[in-house]
Each structure stands twice: as C-alpha cells, then as structure tokens.
Amino acid sequence: MNCSELAQRIESLHPGEEAREVARLCLLLYNAAADPAQLADEQQLDELWRQVAARLEAARDQHAAMTEELESLAQSDLSRMSIDQVWVLIRAIKVQSQVLQLYLGEAPAPTV
C-alpha cells in the first residue's frame, strides 16, 4: 500500500479530517508498521491505528506536563539551579526525543 492509498483509507474512516492530520497519520502508521503490507489488512490497520493513537496521546500528555514544568522553571532564579531543576531539563529532553522518535520511526532509546 502506498501513501496515497493509505491517505484515502484514512479519509474514508475519518471523513472531514484535515489534510495535515491525514499526512501525520500516514507517517505515524507507516513508521509503526513492520511491513507496509500490513496497512492493507483492515484488522492490522485498526490495531496499528490504536497503538499509534495511544503512543501519540501519551506523548501529548508527557509534553503538556513537561511544558508546565519548564514554564515554572523559566520563572525561577536560574543562577541558583538545584539538582531537581536539572532533572526537569533532562526529562524535557527525553520527552522531546520520544516525540521525535514517533515521527522518525526509530526505536525508543534504552532507558538509563
């Protein structure tokens, strides 16, 4: 299945979806599929769709939480940064990395 065929399937399943969202879903679904042929099968497409939706929702939630923490951090005195504030920055980098991995189709990096 090629990208335009997948886009047509997405549009038939979700009529009225914005073109940008259809393109985003095509990318995420292709990246989630071990083999693009999986996307032609209705059941496999449905399963991949649920997996992608769950990962995307988790990434959005993590991103929102990190944004709040970073906004709070930005209002503090950065010349007296605590170890907890450094960990906030490290977690923010990790969350951004996970979001990027969704779109690039890379396997998640091992946790340390």
C-alpha atoms as a PDB file:
ATOM      1  CA  MET A   1       0.000   0.000   0.000  1.00  0.00           C
ATOM      2  CA  ASN A   2       1.389   3.389  -0.918  1.00  0.00           C
ATOM      3  CA  CYS A   3       0.930   6.664   0.920  1.00  0.00           C
ATOM      4  CA  SER A   4      -1.904   7.987  -1.249  1.00  0.00           C
ATOM      5  CA  GLU A   5      -3.855   4.730  -0.829  1.00  0.00           C
ATOM      6  CA  LEU A   6      -3.358   4.903   2.929  1.00  0.00           C
ATOM      7  CA  ALA A   7      -4.460   8.552   2.931  1.00  0.00           C
ATOM      8  CA  GLN A   8      -7.636   7.577   1.066  1.00  0.00           C
ATOM      9  CA  ARG A   9      -8.343   4.843   3.630  1.00  0.00           C
ATOM     10  CA  ILE A  10      -7.809   7.276   6.496  1.00  0.00           C
ATOM     11  CA  GLU A  11     -10.109   9.823   4.847  1.00  0.00           C
ATOM     12  CA  SER A  12     -12.786   7.157   4.345  1.00  0.00           C
ATOM     13  CA  LEU A  13     -12.525   6.118   8.008  1.00  0.00           C
ATOM     14  CA  HIS A  14     -12.460   9.729   9.238  1.00  0.00           C
ATOM     15  CA  PRO A  15     -14.232  11.936   6.695  1.00  0.00           C
ATOM     16  CA  GLY A  16     -13.568  15.632   7.096  1.00  0.00           C
ATOM     17  CA  GLU A  17     -10.137  15.108   8.678  1.00  0.00           C
ATOM     18  CA  GLU A  18      -7.720  17.932   7.888  1.00  0.00           C
ATOM     19  CA  ALA A  19      -5.094  17.154   5.238  1.00  0.00           C
ATOM     20  CA  ARG A  20      -2.302  17.849   7.732  1.00  0.00           C
ATOM     21  CA  GLU A  21      -3.733  15.288  10.173  1.00  0.00           C
ATOM     22  CA  VAL A  22      -4.145  12.706   7.398  1.00  0.00           C
ATOM     23  CA  ALA A  23      -0.498  13.222   6.408  1.00  0.00           C
ATOM     24  CA  ARG A  24       0.610  12.940  10.038  1.00  0.00           C
ATOM     25  CA  LEU A  25      -1.355   9.701  10.468  1.00  0.00           C
ATOM     26  CA  CYS A  26       0.129   8.277   7.265  1.00  0.00           C
ATOM     27  CA  LEU A  27       3.637   8.928   8.560  1.00  0.00           C
ATOM     28  CA  LEU A  28       2.927   7.530  12.022  1.00  0.00           C
ATOM     29  CA  LEU A  29       1.192   4.429  10.664  1.00  0.00           C
ATOM     30  CA  TYR A  30       3.953   3.710   8.156  1.00  0.00           C
ATOM     31  CA  ASN A  31       6.536   4.066  10.906  1.00  0.00           C
ATOM     32  CA  ALA A  32       4.572   1.746  13.207  1.00  0.00           C
ATOM     33  CA  ALA A  33       4.151  -0.982  10.596  1.00  0.00           C
ATOM     34  CA  ALA A  34       6.834  -3.656  10.463  1.00  0.00           C
ATOM     35  CA  ASP A  35       5.785  -4.189   6.841  1.00  0.00           C
ATOM     36  CA  PRO A  36       3.760  -1.615   4.844  1.00  0.00           C
ATOM     37  CA  ALA A  37       1.662  -4.506   3.504  1.00  0.00           C
ATOM     38  CA  GLN A  38       0.126  -4.723   7.000  1.00  0.00           C
ATOM     39  CA  LEU A  39      -1.655  -1.465   6.276  1.00  0.00           C
ATOM     40  CA  ALA A  40      -3.744  -3.095   3.540  1.00  0.00           C
ATOM     41  CA  ASP A  41      -5.306  -5.502   6.046  1.00  0.00           C
ATOM     42  CA  GLU A  42      -8.292  -3.950   7.838  1.00  0.00           C
ATOM     43  CA  GLN A  43      -7.617  -5.652  11.198  1.00  0.00           C
ATOM     44  CA  GLN A  44      -3.901  -4.899  11.201  1.00  0.00           C
ATOM     45  CA  LEU A  45      -4.530  -1.289  10.209  1.00  0.00           C
ATOM     46  CA  ASP A  46      -7.062  -0.966  13.023  1.00  0.00           C
ATOM     47  CA  GLU A  47      -4.599  -2.444  15.552  1.00  0.00           C
ATOM     48  CA  LEU A  48      -1.754  -0.196  14.364  1.00  0.00           C
ATOM     49  CA  TRP A  49      -4.110   2.783  14.482  1.00  0.00           C
ATOM     50  CA  ARG A  50      -4.930   2.058  18.132  1.00  0.00           C
ATOM     51  CA  GLN A  51      -1.247   1.626  19.003  1.00  0.00           C
ATOM     52  CA  VAL A  52      -0.286   4.870  17.272  1.00  0.00           C
ATOM     53  CA  ALA A  53      -3.165   6.749  18.889  1.00  0.00           C
ATOM     54  CA  ALA A  54      -2.150   5.505  22.344  1.00  0.00           C
ATOM     55  CA  ARG A  55       1.520   6.425  21.836  1.00  0.00           C
ATOM     56  CA  LEU A  56       0.589   9.831  20.450  1.00  0.00           C
ATOM     57  CA  GLU A  57      -1.783  10.537  23.345  1.00  0.00           C
ATOM     58  CA  ALA A  58       0.884   9.526  25.864  1.00  0.00           C
ATOM     59  CA  ALA A  59       3.425  11.749  24.116  1.00  0.00           C
ATOM     60  CA  ARG A  60       0.982  14.675  24.128  1.00  0.00           C
ATOM     61  CA  ASP A  61       0.299  14.216  27.847  1.00  0.00           C
ATOM     62  CA  GLN A  62       4.004  13.998  28.665  1.00  0.00           C
ATOM     63  CA  HIS A  63       4.715  17.034  26.524  1.00  0.00           C
ATOM     64  CA  ALA A  64       1.993  19.075  28.244  1.00  0.00           C
ATOM     65  CA  ALA A  65       3.292  18.122  31.687  1.00  0.00           C
ATOM     66  CA  MET A  66       6.867  18.971  30.737  1.00  0.00           C
ATOM     67  CA  THR A  67       5.772  22.303  29.273  1.00  0.00           C
ATOM     68  CA  GLU A  68       4.238  23.239  32.623  1.00  0.00           C
ATOM     69  CA  GLU A  69       7.390  22.229  34.484  1.00  0.00           C
ATOM     70  CA  LEU A  70       9.609  24.149  32.060  1.00  0.00           C
ATOM     71  CA  GLU A  71       7.450  27.269  32.327  1.00  0.00           C
ATOM     72  CA  SER A  72       7.751  27.086  36.098  1.00  0.00           C
ATOM     73  CA  LEU A  73      11.499  26.545  35.808  1.00  0.00           C
ATOM     74  CA  ALA A  74      11.864  29.533  33.467  1.00  0.00           C
ATOM     75  CA  GLN A  75      10.357  31.794  36.119  1.00  0.00           C
ATOM     76  CA  SER A  76      12.830  30.704  38.792  1.00  0.00           C
ATOM     77  CA  ASP A  77      16.282  32.096  39.522  1.00  0.00           C
ATOM     78  CA  LEU A  78      18.389  30.096  37.086  1.00  0.00           C
ATOM     79  CA  SER A  79      21.636  31.255  38.691  1.00  0.00           C
ATOM     80  CA  ARG A  80      20.711  29.053  41.665  1.00  0.00           C
ATOM     81  CA  MET A  81      19.639  25.954  39.813  1.00  0.00           C
ATOM     82  CA  SER A  82      19.002  22.930  42.004  1.00  0.00           C
ATOM     83  CA  ILE A  83      19.603  19.311  41.074  1.00  0.00           C
ATOM     84  CA  ASP A  84      15.813  18.871  40.777  1.00  0.00           C
ATOM     85  CA  GLN A  85      15.709  21.634  38.181  1.00  0.00           C
ATOM     86  CA  VAL A  86      18.485  19.947  36.217  1.00  0.00           C
ATOM     87  CA  TRP A  87      16.426  16.737  36.255  1.00  0.00           C
ATOM     88  CA  VAL A  88      13.439  18.694  34.894  1.00  0.00           C
ATOM     89  CA  LEU A  89      15.594  19.726  31.948  1.00  0.00           C
ATOM     90  CA  ILE A  90      16.834  16.179  31.402  1.00  0.00           C
ATOM     91  CA  ARG A  91      13.271  14.810  31.443  1.00  0.00           C
ATOM     92  CA  ALA A  92      12.196  17.516  28.988  1.00  0.00           C
ATOM     93  CA  ILE A  93      14.931  16.462  26.586  1.00  0.00           C
ATOM     94  CA  LYS A  94      13.857  12.828  26.922  1.00  0.00           C
ATOM     95  CA  VAL A  95      10.196  13.690  26.223  1.00  0.00           C
ATOM     96  CA  GLN A  96      11.193  15.677  23.133  1.00  0.00           C
ATOM     97  CA  SER A  97      13.287  12.730  21.990  1.00  0.00           C
ATOM     98  CA  GLN A  98      10.322  10.358  22.367  1.00  0.00           C
ATOM     99  CA  VAL A  99       8.090  12.659  20.306  1.00  0.00           C
ATOM    100  CA  LEU A 100      10.744  12.823  17.599  1.00  0.00           C
ATOM    101  CA  GLN A 101      11.039   9.037  17.599  1.00  0.00           C
ATOM    102  CA  LEU A 102       7.317   8.760  16.854  1.00  0.00           C
ATOM    103  CA  TYR A 103       7.744  10.801  13.695  1.00  0.00           C
ATOM    104  CA  LEU A 104      11.095   9.405  12.614  1.00  0.00           C
ATOM    105  CA  GLY A 105      10.076   5.807  13.141  1.00  0.00           C
ATOM    106  CA  GLU A 106      13.083   4.993  15.274  1.00  0.00           C
ATOM    107  CA  ALA A 107      13.028   2.504  18.107  1.00  0.00           C
ATOM    108  CA  PRO A 108      12.952   4.130  21.542  1.00  0.00           C
ATOM    109  CA  ALA A 109      16.363   4.619  23.086  1.00  0.00           C
ATOM    110  CA  PRO A 110      17.111   2.378  26.055  1.00  0.00           C
ATOM    111  CA  THR A 111      16.459   3.991  29.412  1.00  0.00           C
ATOM    112  CA  VAL A 112      19.404   4.594  31.685  1.00  0.00           C
END
